[in-house]
Amino acid sequence: MKGLTLIELMVALIIIAVALMALAQSRVTSDAIAFGASQSRNATALAQDLFEDLRNRPFDSLIPGTYSDQIGGVTRTWTIIPDGHPPDPDLLLINLTIQWPEPGRIRSANFTTHITRR
């Protein structure tokens, strides 16, 4: 028998179609992972920026409390509290939560640092 039969051709096309669908799905998944990694890097950079800003302020201007801001759809919420046991007036604990939207959900990351009187 010479050449391909119609059935052999259909089977080959089905195999190719399944392989292409799997390849397309892996591309969608890798794009989502790359987007999530980019957003996590952005959250870390925003946390570092806030911590640097707080460290550069005069210590006495850092009033204990909860604060929030929004930058490009990303929400930063931080709490300043005296730290230590008993609380040390020269040591502050900063707890920071950063939230950002991703398709289908809200992601968040938590960061903590200490600031001392110089």
PDB file of N, CA and C in Angstrom:
ATOM      1  N   MET A   1       0.825  -1.169   0.000  1.00  0.00           N
ATOM      2  CA  MET A   1       0.000   0.000   0.000  1.00  0.00           C
ATOM      3  C   MET A   1       0.878   1.244   0.000  1.00  0.00           C
ATOM      4  N   LYS A   2       0.611   2.122  -0.920  1.00  0.00           N
ATOM      5  CA  LYS A   2       1.389   3.344  -1.006  1.00  0.00           C
ATOM      6  C   LYS A   2       0.573   4.504  -0.447  1.00  0.00           C
ATOM      7  N   GLY A   3       1.287   5.472   0.186  1.00  0.00           N
ATOM      8  CA  GLY A   3       0.623   6.685   0.664  1.00  0.00           C
ATOM      9  C   GLY A   3      -0.108   6.487   1.983  1.00  0.00           C
ATOM     10  N   LEU A   4      -0.757   7.556   2.412  1.00  0.00           N
ATOM     11  CA  LEU A   4      -1.502   7.546   3.668  1.00  0.00           C
ATOM     12  C   LEU A   4      -2.979   7.355   3.394  1.00  0.00           C
ATOM     13  N   THR A   5      -3.611   6.618   4.260  1.00  0.00           N
ATOM     14  CA  THR A   5      -5.061   6.518   4.157  1.00  0.00           C
ATOM     15  C   THR A   5      -5.673   7.700   4.890  1.00  0.00           C
ATOM     16  N   LEU A   6      -6.928   7.937   4.661  1.00  0.00           N
ATOM     17  CA  LEU A   6      -7.635   9.043   5.303  1.00  0.00           C
ATOM     18  C   LEU A   6      -7.644   8.875   6.825  1.00  0.00           C
ATOM     19  N   ILE A   7      -7.773   7.667   7.303  1.00  0.00           N
ATOM     20  CA  ILE A   7      -7.793   7.410   8.748  1.00  0.00           C
ATOM     21  C   ILE A   7      -6.436   7.731   9.366  1.00  0.00           C
ATOM     22  N   GLU A   8      -5.365   7.326   8.722  1.00  0.00           N
ATOM     23  CA  GLU A   8      -4.025   7.641   9.237  1.00  0.00           C
ATOM     24  C   GLU A   8      -3.808   9.152   9.293  1.00  0.00           C
ATOM     25  N   LEU A   9      -4.284   9.851   8.286  1.00  0.00           N
ATOM     26  CA  LEU A   9      -4.158  11.301   8.253  1.00  0.00           C
ATOM     27  C   LEU A   9      -4.957  11.947   9.387  1.00  0.00           C
ATOM     28  N   MET A  10      -6.161  11.471   9.642  1.00  0.00           N
ATOM     29  CA  MET A  10      -6.998  12.005  10.728  1.00  0.00           C
ATOM     30  C   MET A  10      -6.338  11.753  12.088  1.00  0.00           C
ATOM     31  N   VAL A  11      -5.802  10.566  12.300  1.00  0.00           N
ATOM     32  CA  VAL A  11      -5.124  10.251  13.564  1.00  0.00           C
ATOM     33  C   VAL A  11      -3.927  11.178  13.759  1.00  0.00           C
ATOM     34  N   ALA A  12      -3.153  11.385  12.714  1.00  0.00           N
ATOM     35  CA  ALA A  12      -1.989  12.276  12.807  1.00  0.00           C
ATOM     36  C   ALA A  12      -2.426  13.701  13.138  1.00  0.00           C
ATOM     37  N   LEU A  13      -3.494  14.178  12.513  1.00  0.00           N
ATOM     38  CA  LEU A  13      -3.992  15.531  12.790  1.00  0.00           C
ATOM     39  C   LEU A  13      -4.500  15.666  14.226  1.00  0.00           C
ATOM     40  N   ILE A  14      -5.151  14.646  14.735  1.00  0.00           N
ATOM     41  CA  ILE A  14      -5.630  14.672  16.125  1.00  0.00           C
ATOM     42  C   ILE A  14      -4.449  14.728  17.087  1.00  0.00           C
ATOM     43  N   ILE A  15      -3.426  13.937  16.836  1.00  0.00           N
ATOM     44  CA  ILE A  15      -2.231  13.951  17.696  1.00  0.00           C
ATOM     45  C   ILE A  15      -1.579  15.330  17.671  1.00  0.00           C
ATOM     46  N   ILE A  16      -1.461  15.921  16.505  1.00  0.00           N
ATOM     47  CA  ILE A  16      -0.865  17.260  16.392  1.00  0.00           C
ATOM     48  C   ILE A  16      -1.729  18.289  17.118  1.00  0.00           C
ATOM     49  N   ALA A  17      -3.053  18.201  16.979  1.00  0.00           N
ATOM     50  CA  ALA A  17      -3.956  19.149  17.641  1.00  0.00           C
ATOM     51  C   ALA A  17      -3.840  19.053  19.159  1.00  0.00           C
ATOM     52  N   VAL A  18      -3.792  17.841  19.687  1.00  0.00           N
ATOM     53  CA  VAL A  18      -3.648  17.657  21.139  1.00  0.00           C
ATOM     54  C   VAL A  18      -2.318  18.238  21.618  1.00  0.00           C
ATOM     55  N   ALA A  19      -1.263  18.000  20.875  1.00  0.00           N
ATOM     56  CA  ALA A  19       0.052  18.537  21.252  1.00  0.00           C
ATOM     57  C   ALA A  19       0.043  20.062  21.229  1.00  0.00           C
ATOM     58  N   LEU A  20      -0.586  20.664  20.234  1.00  0.00           N
ATOM     59  CA  LEU A  20      -0.657  22.129  20.158  1.00  0.00           C
ATOM     60  C   LEU A  20      -1.486  22.717  21.294  1.00  0.00           C
ATOM     61  N   MET A  21      -2.578  22.038  21.681  1.00  0.00           N
ATOM     62  CA  MET A  21      -3.384  22.519  22.807  1.00  0.00           C
ATOM     63  C   MET A  21      -2.583  22.458  24.106  1.00  0.00           C
ATOM     64  N   ALA A  22      -1.835  21.399  24.308  1.00  0.00           N
ATOM     65  CA  ALA A  22      -1.001  21.290  25.508  1.00  0.00           C
ATOM     66  C   ALA A  22       0.061  22.379  25.527  1.00  0.00           C
ATOM     67  N   LEU A  23       0.648  22.654  24.386  1.00  0.00           N
ATOM     68  CA  LEU A  23       1.649  23.712  24.287  1.00  0.00           C
ATOM     69  C   LEU A  23       1.036  25.075  24.592  1.00  0.00           C
ATOM     70  N   ALA A  24      -0.150  25.338  24.071  1.00  0.00           N
ATOM     71  CA  ALA A  24      -0.826  26.612  24.332  1.00  0.00           C
ATOM     72  C   ALA A  24      -1.155  26.751  25.816  1.00  0.00           C
ATOM     73  N   GLN A  25      -1.612  25.682  26.452  1.00  0.00           N
ATOM     74  CA  GLN A  25      -1.933  25.736  27.879  1.00  0.00           C
ATOM     75  C   GLN A  25      -0.680  25.981  28.712  1.00  0.00           C
ATOM     76  N   SER A  26       0.426  25.372  28.339  1.00  0.00           N
ATOM     77  CA  SER A  26       1.661  25.602  29.099  1.00  0.00           C
ATOM     78  C   SER A  26       2.110  27.051  28.957  1.00  0.00           C
ATOM     79  N   ARG A  27       1.861  27.660  27.821  1.00  0.00           N
ATOM     80  CA  ARG A  27       2.202  29.077  27.617  1.00  0.00           C
ATOM     81  C   ARG A  27       1.353  29.961  28.529  1.00  0.00           C
ATOM     82  N   VAL A  28       0.063  29.680  28.628  1.00  0.00           N
ATOM     83  CA  VAL A  28      -0.826  30.444  29.505  1.00  0.00           C
ATOM     84  C   VAL A  28      -0.364  30.312  30.955  1.00  0.00           C
ATOM     85  N   THR A  29      -0.032  29.103  31.361  1.00  0.00           N
ATOM     86  CA  THR A  29       0.433  28.871  32.728  1.00  0.00           C
ATOM     87  C   THR A  29       1.743  29.599  32.996  1.00  0.00           C
ATOM     88  N   SER A  30       2.675  29.542  32.071  1.00  0.00           N
ATOM     89  CA  SER A  30       3.963  30.216  32.286  1.00  0.00           C
ATOM     90  C   SER A  30       3.793  31.730  32.308  1.00  0.00           C
ATOM     91  N   ASP A  31       2.879  32.272  31.509  1.00  0.00           N
ATOM     92  CA  ASP A  31       2.602  33.711  31.552  1.00  0.00           C
ATOM     93  C   ASP A  31       2.032  34.115  32.907  1.00  0.00           C
ATOM     94  N   ALA A  32       1.132  33.309  33.459  1.00  0.00           N
ATOM     95  CA  ALA A  32       0.550  33.604  34.769  1.00  0.00           C
ATOM     96  C   ALA A  32       1.617  33.555  35.858  1.00  0.00           C
ATOM     97  N   ILE A  33       2.512  32.593  35.787  1.00  0.00           N
ATOM     98  CA  ILE A  33       3.595  32.490  36.772  1.00  0.00           C
ATOM     99  C   ILE A  33       4.526  33.689  36.659  1.00  0.00           C
ATOM    100  N   ALA A  34       4.855  34.084  35.448  1.00  0.00           N
ATOM    101  CA  ALA A  34       5.730  35.246  35.247  1.00  0.00           C
ATOM    102  C   ALA A  34       5.069  36.521  35.761  1.00  0.00           C
ATOM    103  N   PHE A  35       3.769  36.672  35.541  1.00  0.00           N
ATOM    104  CA  PHE A  35       3.046  37.843  36.033  1.00  0.00           C
ATOM    105  C   PHE A  35       3.065  37.874  37.555  1.00  0.00           C
ATOM    106  N   GLY A  36       2.816  36.729  38.185  1.00  0.00           N
ATOM    107  CA  GLY A  36       2.842  36.654  39.646  1.00  0.00           C
ATOM    108  C   GLY A  36       4.212  36.989  40.212  1.00  0.00           C
ATOM    109  N   ALA A  37       5.259  36.511  39.565  1.00  0.00           N
ATOM    110  CA  ALA A  37       6.626  36.810  40.018  1.00  0.00           C
ATOM    111  C   ALA A  37       6.921  38.295  39.885  1.00  0.00           C
ATOM    112  N   SER A  38       6.469  38.896  38.810  1.00  0.00           N
ATOM    113  CA  SER A  38       6.664  40.332  38.602  1.00  0.00           C
ATOM    114  C   SER A  38       5.944  41.133  39.682  1.00  0.00           C
ATOM    115  N   GLN A  39       4.729  40.733  40.009  1.00  0.00           N
ATOM    116  CA  GLN A  39       3.971  41.436  41.044  1.00  0.00           C
ATOM    117  C   GLN A  39       4.629  41.257  42.414  1.00  0.00           C
ATOM    118  N   SER A  40       5.164  40.089  42.693  1.00  0.00           N
ATOM    119  CA  SER A  40       5.859  39.860  43.968  1.00  0.00           C
ATOM    120  C   SER A  40       7.107  40.731  44.074  1.00  0.00           C
ATOM    121  N   ARG A  41       7.852  40.861  42.972  1.00  0.00           N
ATOM    122  CA  ARG A  41       9.023  41.748  42.971  1.00  0.00           C
ATOM    123  C   ARG A  41       8.597  43.193  43.206  1.00  0.00           C
ATOM    124  N   ASN A  42       7.494  43.597  42.591  1.00  0.00           N
ATOM    125  CA  ASN A  42       6.976  44.945  42.773  1.00  0.00           C
ATOM    126  C   ASN A  42       6.585  45.178  44.235  1.00  0.00           C
ATOM    127  N   ALA A  43       5.932  44.205  44.854  1.00  0.00           N
ATOM    128  CA  ALA A  43       5.543  44.323  46.262  1.00  0.00           C
ATOM    129  C   ALA A  43       6.770  44.460  47.152  1.00  0.00           C
ATOM    130  N   THR A  44       7.796  43.684  46.884  1.00  0.00           N
ATOM    131  CA  THR A  44       9.030  43.770  47.671  1.00  0.00           C
ATOM    132  C   THR A  44       9.689  45.133  47.509  1.00  0.00           C
ATOM    133  N   ALA A  45       9.701  45.659  46.294  1.00  0.00           N
ATOM    134  CA  ALA A  45      10.283  46.987  46.057  1.00  0.00           C
ATOM    135  C   ALA A  45       9.491  48.064  46.792  1.00  0.00           C
ATOM    136  N   LEU A  46       8.156  47.959  46.789  1.00  0.00           N
ATOM    137  CA  LEU A  46       7.336  48.937  47.507  1.00  0.00           C
ATOM    138  C   LEU A  46       7.559  48.845  49.016  1.00  0.00           C
ATOM    139  N   ALA A  47       7.767  47.642  49.526  1.00  0.00           N
ATOM    140  CA  ALA A  47       8.068  47.476  50.951  1.00  0.00           C
ATOM    141  C   ALA A  47       9.410  48.114  51.284  1.00  0.00           C
ATOM    142  N   GLN A  48      10.416  47.864  50.468  1.00  0.00           N
ATOM    143  CA  GLN A  48      11.734  48.458  50.707  1.00  0.00           C
ATOM    144  C   GLN A  48      11.669  49.979  50.653  1.00  0.00           C
ATOM    145  N   ASP A  49      10.906  50.520  49.699  1.00  0.00           N
ATOM    146  CA  ASP A  49      10.758  51.975  49.595  1.00  0.00           C
ATOM    147  C   ASP A  49      10.134  52.559  50.857  1.00  0.00           C
ATOM    148  N   LEU A  50       9.076  51.918  51.358  1.00  0.00           N
ATOM    149  CA  LEU A  50       8.421  52.419  52.566  1.00  0.00           C
ATOM    150  C   LEU A  50       9.355  52.328  53.765  1.00  0.00           C
ATOM    151  N   PHE A  51      10.013  51.193  53.950  1.00  0.00           N
ATOM    152  CA  PHE A  51      10.920  51.042  55.085  1.00  0.00           C
ATOM    153  C   PHE A  51      12.042  52.074  55.028  1.00  0.00           C
ATOM    154  N   GLU A  52      12.577  52.323  53.848  1.00  0.00           N
ATOM    155  CA  GLU A  52      13.631  53.329  53.698  1.00  0.00           C
ATOM    156  C   GLU A  52      13.099  54.721  54.037  1.00  0.00           C
ATOM    157  N   ASP A  53      11.895  55.020  53.562  1.00  0.00           N
ATOM    158  CA  ASP A  53      11.281  56.316  53.865  1.00  0.00           C
ATOM    159  C   ASP A  53      11.085  56.487  55.372  1.00  0.00           C
ATOM    160  N   LEU A  54      10.579  55.458  56.042  1.00  0.00           N
ATOM    161  CA  LEU A  54      10.358  55.546  57.486  1.00  0.00           C
ATOM    162  C   LEU A  54      11.678  55.686  58.240  1.00  0.00           C
ATOM    163  N   ARG A  55      12.710  54.989  57.808  1.00  0.00           N
ATOM    164  CA  ARG A  55      14.014  55.085  58.480  1.00  0.00           C
ATOM    165  C   ARG A  55      14.640  56.469  58.321  1.00  0.00           C
ATOM    166  N   ASN A  56      14.322  57.145  57.216  1.00  0.00           N
ATOM    167  CA  ASN A  56      14.892  58.474  56.978  1.00  0.00           C
ATOM    168  C   ASN A  56      14.133  59.591  57.689  1.00  0.00           C
ATOM    169  N   ARG A  57      12.991  59.296  58.254  1.00  0.00           N
ATOM    170  CA  ARG A  57      12.229  60.299  59.007  1.00  0.00           C
ATOM    171  C   ARG A  57      12.819  60.431  60.409  1.00  0.00           C
ATOM    172  N   PRO A  58      12.624  61.601  61.028  1.00  0.00           N
ATOM    173  CA  PRO A  58      13.030  61.722  62.435  1.00  0.00           C
ATOM    174  C   PRO A  58      12.256  60.695  63.277  1.00  0.00           C
ATOM    175  N   PHE A  59      12.952  60.052  64.201  1.00  0.00           N
ATOM    176  CA  PHE A  59      12.341  58.984  64.999  1.00  0.00           C
ATOM    177  C   PHE A  59      11.075  59.466  65.703  1.00  0.00           C
ATOM    178  N   ASP A  60      11.118  60.685  66.252  1.00  0.00           N
ATOM    179  CA  ASP A  60       9.968  61.194  67.005  1.00  0.00           C
ATOM    180  C   ASP A  60       8.755  61.478  66.123  1.00  0.00           C
ATOM    181  N   SER A  61       8.934  61.513  64.803  1.00  0.00           N
ATOM    182  CA  SER A  61       7.787  61.723  63.913  1.00  0.00           C
ATOM    183  C   SER A  61       7.058  60.418  63.601  1.00  0.00           C
ATOM    184  N   LEU A  62       7.622  59.292  64.026  1.00  0.00           N
ATOM    185  CA  LEU A  62       6.997  57.986  63.791  1.00  0.00           C
ATOM    186  C   LEU A  62       6.029  57.697  64.937  1.00  0.00           C
ATOM    187  N   ILE A  63       4.785  58.038  64.725  1.00  0.00           N
ATOM    188  CA  ILE A  63       3.746  57.914  65.751  1.00  0.00           C
ATOM    189  C   ILE A  63       3.118  56.522  65.652  1.00  0.00           C
ATOM    190  N   PRO A  64       3.043  55.793  66.776  1.00  0.00           N
ATOM    191  CA  PRO A  64       2.387  54.483  66.733  1.00  0.00           C
ATOM    192  C   PRO A  64       0.959  54.596  66.188  1.00  0.00           C
ATOM    193  N   GLY A  65       0.593  53.637  65.348  1.00  0.00           N
ATOM    194  CA  GLY A  65      -0.734  53.611  64.743  1.00  0.00           C
ATOM    195  C   GLY A  65      -0.722  52.786  63.471  1.00  0.00           C
ATOM    196  N   THR A  66      -1.857  52.799  62.784  1.00  0.00           N
ATOM    197  CA  THR A  66      -2.002  52.069  61.522  1.00  0.00           C
ATOM    198  C   THR A  66      -2.206  53.069  60.397  1.00  0.00           C
ATOM    199  N   TYR A  67      -1.492  52.867  59.311  1.00  0.00           N
ATOM    200  CA  TYR A  67      -1.503  53.791  58.178  1.00  0.00           C
ATOM    201  C   TYR A  67      -1.690  52.996  56.890  1.00  0.00           C
ATOM    202  N   SER A  68      -2.127  53.691  55.849  1.00  0.00           N
ATOM    203  CA  SER A  68      -2.356  53.017  54.573  1.00  0.00           C
ATOM    204  C   SER A  68      -2.175  54.001  53.432  1.00  0.00           C
ATOM    205  N   ASP A  69      -1.708  53.501  52.300  1.00  0.00           N
ATOM    206  CA  ASP A  69      -1.680  54.285  51.070  1.00  0.00           C
ATOM    207  C   ASP A  69      -1.880  53.348  49.889  1.00  0.00           C
ATOM    208  N   GLN A  70      -2.058  53.943  48.725  1.00  0.00           N
ATOM    209  CA  GLN A  70      -2.264  53.139  47.521  1.00  0.00           C
ATOM    210  C   GLN A  70      -1.393  53.703  46.413  1.00  0.00           C
ATOM    211  N   ILE A  71      -0.671  52.806  45.750  1.00  0.00           N
ATOM    212  CA  ILE A  71       0.216  53.185  44.653  1.00  0.00           C
ATOM    213  C   ILE A  71      -0.102  52.285  43.466  1.00  0.00           C
ATOM    214  N   GLY A  72      -0.664  52.864  42.426  1.00  0.00           N
ATOM    215  CA  GLY A  72      -0.930  52.106  41.201  1.00  0.00           C
ATOM    216  C   GLY A  72      -1.720  50.833  41.405  1.00  0.00           C
ATOM    217  N   GLY A  73      -2.759  50.864  42.224  1.00  0.00           N
ATOM    218  CA  GLY A  73      -3.580  49.681  42.456  1.00  0.00           C
ATOM    219  C   GLY A  73      -3.052  48.751  43.529  1.00  0.00           C
ATOM    220  N   VAL A  74      -1.889  49.072  44.089  1.00  0.00           N
ATOM    221  CA  VAL A  74      -1.296  48.273  45.163  1.00  0.00           C
ATOM    222  C   VAL A  74      -1.542  49.009  46.480  1.00  0.00           C
ATOM    223  N   THR A  75      -2.080  48.302  47.467  1.00  0.00           N
ATOM    224  CA  THR A  75      -2.371  48.901  48.767  1.00  0.00           C
ATOM    225  C   THR A  75      -1.304  48.489  49.772  1.00  0.00           C
ATOM    226  N   ARG A  76      -0.734  49.503  50.449  1.00  0.00           N
ATOM    227  CA  ARG A  76       0.226  49.242  51.527  1.00  0.00           C
ATOM    228  C   ARG A  76      -0.444  49.649  52.839  1.00  0.00           C
ATOM    229  N   THR A  77      -0.457  48.753  53.804  1.00  0.00           N
ATOM    230  CA  THR A  77      -0.995  49.039  55.127  1.00  0.00           C
ATOM    231  C   THR A  77       0.078  48.669  56.137  1.00  0.00           C
ATOM    232  N   TRP A  78       0.454  49.635  56.987  1.00  0.00           N
ATOM    233  CA  TRP A  78       1.494  49.354  57.958  1.00  0.00           C
ATOM    234  C   TRP A  78       1.084  49.833  59.340  1.00  0.00           C
ATOM    235  N   THR A  79       1.620  49.129  60.324  1.00  0.00           N
ATOM    236  CA  THR A  79       1.367  49.439  61.722  1.00  0.00           C
ATOM    237  C   THR A  79       2.699  49.716  62.393  1.00  0.00           C
ATOM    238  N   ILE A  80       2.736  50.803  63.145  1.00  0.00           N
ATOM    239  CA  ILE A  80       3.921  51.167  63.920  1.00  0.00           C
ATOM    240  C   ILE A  80       3.571  50.958  65.384  1.00  0.00           C
ATOM    241  N   ILE A  81       4.351  50.123  66.069  1.00  0.00           N
ATOM    242  CA  ILE A  81       4.107  49.885  67.495  1.00  0.00           C
ATOM    243  C   ILE A  81       5.439  49.839  68.236  1.00  0.00           C
ATOM    244  N   PRO A  82       5.454  50.319  69.496  1.00  0.00           N
ATOM    245  CA  PRO A  82       6.668  50.163  70.304  1.00  0.00           C
ATOM    246  C   PRO A  82       6.934  48.672  70.502  1.00  0.00           C
ATOM    247  N   ASP A  83       8.206  48.285  70.506  1.00  0.00           N
ATOM    248  CA  ASP A  83       8.548  46.873  70.619  1.00  0.00           C
ATOM    249  C   ASP A  83       9.384  46.641  71.867  1.00  0.00           C
ATOM    250  N   GLY A  84       9.472  45.405  72.263  1.00  0.00           N
ATOM    251  CA  GLY A  84      10.264  45.007  73.422  1.00  0.00           C
ATOM    252  C   GLY A  84       9.358  44.608  74.573  1.00  0.00           C
ATOM    253  N   HIS A  85       9.951  43.973  75.576  1.00  0.00           N
ATOM    254  CA  HIS A  85       9.208  43.539  76.763  1.00  0.00           C
ATOM    255  C   HIS A  85       9.975  43.952  77.997  1.00  0.00           C
ATOM    256  N   PRO A  86       9.590  44.999  78.705  1.00  0.00           N
ATOM    257  CA  PRO A  86       8.473  45.901  78.417  1.00  0.00           C
ATOM    258  C   PRO A  86       8.777  46.745  77.181  1.00  0.00           C
ATOM    259  N   PRO A  87       7.742  47.416  76.623  1.00  0.00           N
ATOM    260  CA  PRO A  87       7.966  48.207  75.411  1.00  0.00           C
ATOM    261  C   PRO A  87       9.097  49.217  75.583  1.00  0.00           C
ATOM    262  N   ASP A  88       9.989  49.233  74.625  1.00  0.00           N
ATOM    263  CA  ASP A  88      11.146  50.134  74.624  1.00  0.00           C
ATOM    264  C   ASP A  88      10.781  51.374  73.808  1.00  0.00           C
ATOM    265  N   PRO A  89      10.835  52.576  74.399  1.00  0.00           N
ATOM    266  CA  PRO A  89      10.467  53.787  73.660  1.00  0.00           C
ATOM    267  C   PRO A  89      11.438  54.112  72.527  1.00  0.00           C
ATOM    268  N   ASP A  90      12.593  53.462  72.491  1.00  0.00           N
ATOM    269  CA  ASP A  90      13.579  53.713  71.444  1.00  0.00           C
ATOM    270  C   ASP A  90      13.596  52.621  70.369  1.00  0.00           C
ATOM    271  N   LEU A  91      12.593  51.750  70.381  1.00  0.00           N
ATOM    272  CA  LEU A  91      12.519  50.650  69.417  1.00  0.00           C
ATOM    273  C   LEU A  91      11.091  50.525  68.896  1.00  0.00           C
ATOM    274  N   LEU A  92      10.942  50.629  67.584  1.00  0.00           N
ATOM    275  CA  LEU A  92       9.622  50.499  66.961  1.00  0.00           C
ATOM    276  C   LEU A  92       9.590  49.282  66.044  1.00  0.00           C
ATOM    277  N   LEU A  93       8.479  48.591  66.071  1.00  0.00           N
ATOM    278  CA  LEU A  93       8.226  47.462  65.177  1.00  0.00           C
ATOM    279  C   LEU A  93       7.287  47.956  64.079  1.00  0.00           C
ATOM    280  N   ILE A  94       7.653  47.690  62.829  1.00  0.00           N
ATOM    281  CA  ILE A  94       6.821  48.065  61.690  1.00  0.00           C
ATOM    282  C   ILE A  94       6.348  46.777  61.016  1.00  0.00           C
ATOM    283  N   ASN A  95       5.041  46.559  61.002  1.00  0.00           N
ATOM    284  CA  ASN A  95       4.427  45.434  60.283  1.00  0.00           C
ATOM    285  C   ASN A  95       3.762  46.000  59.036  1.00  0.00           C
ATOM    286  N   LEU A  96       4.083  45.462  57.886  1.00  0.00           N
ATOM    287  CA  LEU A  96       3.585  45.966  56.613  1.00  0.00           C
ATOM    288  C   LEU A  96       2.917  44.841  55.830  1.00  0.00           C
ATOM    289  N   THR A  97       1.730  45.130  55.322  1.00  0.00           N
ATOM    290  CA  THR A  97       1.038  44.211  54.416  1.00  0.00           C
ATOM    291  C   THR A  97       0.825  44.933  53.097  1.00  0.00           C
ATOM    292  N   ILE A  98       1.207  44.278  52.018  1.00  0.00           N
ATOM    293  CA  ILE A  98       0.996  44.826  50.678  1.00  0.00           C
ATOM    294  C   ILE A  98       0.026  43.904  49.959  1.00  0.00           C
ATOM    295  N   GLN A  99      -1.031  44.501  49.367  1.00  0.00           N
ATOM    296  CA  GLN A  99      -2.031  43.728  48.633  1.00  0.00           C
ATOM    297  C   GLN A  99      -2.123  44.248  47.207  1.00  0.00           C
ATOM    298  N   TRP A 100      -2.259  43.305  46.266  1.00  0.00           N
ATOM    299  CA  TRP A 100      -2.416  43.687  44.867  1.00  0.00           C
ATOM    300  C   TRP A 100      -3.367  42.706  44.187  1.00  0.00           C
ATOM    301  N   PRO A 101      -4.092  43.206  43.176  1.00  0.00           N
ATOM    302  CA  PRO A 101      -5.031  42.324  42.478  1.00  0.00           C
ATOM    303  C   PRO A 101      -4.324  41.493  41.410  1.00  0.00           C
ATOM    304  N   GLU A 102      -4.758  40.262  41.306  1.00  0.00           N
ATOM    305  CA  GLU A 102      -4.367  39.387  40.204  1.00  0.00           C
ATOM    306  C   GLU A 102      -5.655  38.812  39.644  1.00  0.00           C
ATOM    307  N   PRO A 103      -5.646  38.343  38.432  1.00  0.00           N
ATOM    308  CA  PRO A 103      -6.883  37.804  37.863  1.00  0.00           C
ATOM    309  C   PRO A 103      -7.515  36.750  38.776  1.00  0.00           C
ATOM    310  N   GLY A 104      -8.719  37.038  39.237  1.00  0.00           N
ATOM    311  CA  GLY A 104      -9.467  36.084  40.041  1.00  0.00           C
ATOM    312  C   GLY A 104      -9.195  36.099  41.529  1.00  0.00           C
ATOM    313  N   ARG A 105      -8.259  36.948  42.002  1.00  0.00           N
ATOM    314  CA  ARG A 105      -7.980  36.956  43.449  1.00  0.00           C
ATOM    315  C   ARG A 105      -7.153  38.174  43.840  1.00  0.00           C
ATOM    316  N   ILE A 106      -7.071  38.373  45.153  1.00  0.00           N
ATOM    317  CA  ILE A 106      -6.216  39.412  45.722  1.00  0.00           C
ATOM    318  C   ILE A 106      -5.036  38.710  46.384  1.00  0.00           C
ATOM    319  N   ARG A 107      -3.833  39.109  46.028  1.00  0.00           N
ATOM    320  CA  ARG A 107      -2.619  38.536  46.626  1.00  0.00           C
ATOM    321  C   ARG A 107      -2.097  39.489  47.683  1.00  0.00           C
ATOM    322  N   SER A 108      -1.319  38.974  48.608  1.00  0.00           N
ATOM    323  CA  SER A 108      -0.721  39.833  49.628  1.00  0.00           C
ATOM    324  C   SER A 108       0.631  39.282  50.055  1.00  0.00           C
ATOM    325  N   ALA A 109       1.428  40.187  50.612  1.00  0.00           N
ATOM    326  CA  ALA A 109       2.734  39.817  51.162  1.00  0.00           C
ATOM    327  C   ALA A 109       2.918  40.607  52.448  1.00  0.00           C
ATOM    328  N   ASN A 110       3.534  39.986  53.442  1.00  0.00           N
ATOM    329  CA  ASN A 110       3.767  40.625  54.735  1.00  0.00           C
ATOM    330  C   ASN A 110       5.260  40.824  54.952  1.00  0.00           C
ATOM    331  N   PHE A 111       5.597  41.974  55.532  1.00  0.00           N
ATOM    332  CA  PHE A 111       6.984  42.329  55.804  1.00  0.00           C
ATOM    333  C   PHE A 111       7.058  42.923  57.207  1.00  0.00           C
ATOM    334  N   THR A 112       8.210  42.775  57.850  1.00  0.00           N
ATOM    335  CA  THR A 112       8.420  43.309  59.192  1.00  0.00           C
ATOM    336  C   THR A 112       9.825  43.877  59.284  1.00  0.00           C
ATOM    337  N   THR A 113       9.950  44.987  60.015  1.00  0.00           N
ATOM    338  CA  THR A 113      11.266  45.551  60.295  1.00  0.00           C
ATOM    339  C   THR A 113      11.217  46.270  61.636  1.00  0.00           C
ATOM    340  N   HIS A 114      12.383  46.601  62.141  1.00  0.00           N
ATOM    341  CA  HIS A 114      12.510  47.402  63.361  1.00  0.00           C
ATOM    342  C   HIS A 114      13.227  48.702  63.023  1.00  0.00           C
ATOM    343  N   ILE A 115      12.853  49.753  63.728  1.00  0.00           N
ATOM    344  CA  ILE A 115      13.540  51.036  63.607  1.00  0.00           C
ATOM    345  C   ILE A 115      13.911  51.471  65.022  1.00  0.00           C
ATOM    346  N   THR A 116      15.163  51.879  65.189  1.00  0.00           N
ATOM    347  CA  THR A 116      15.623  52.330  66.503  1.00  0.00           C
ATOM    348  C   THR A 116      15.984  53.807  66.457  1.00  0.00           C
ATOM    349  N   ARG A 117      15.893  54.422  67.626  1.00  0.00           N
ATOM    350  CA  ARG A 117      16.320  55.816  67.747  1.00  0.00           C
ATOM    351  C   ARG A 117      17.831  55.860  67.544  1.00  0.00           C
ATOM    352  N   ARG A 118      18.303  56.843  66.774  1.00  0.00           N
ATOM    353  CA  ARG A 118      19.744  56.964  66.513  1.00  0.00           C
ATOM    354  C   ARG A 118      20.384  57.888  67.510  1.00  0.00           C
TER     355      ARG A 118
END
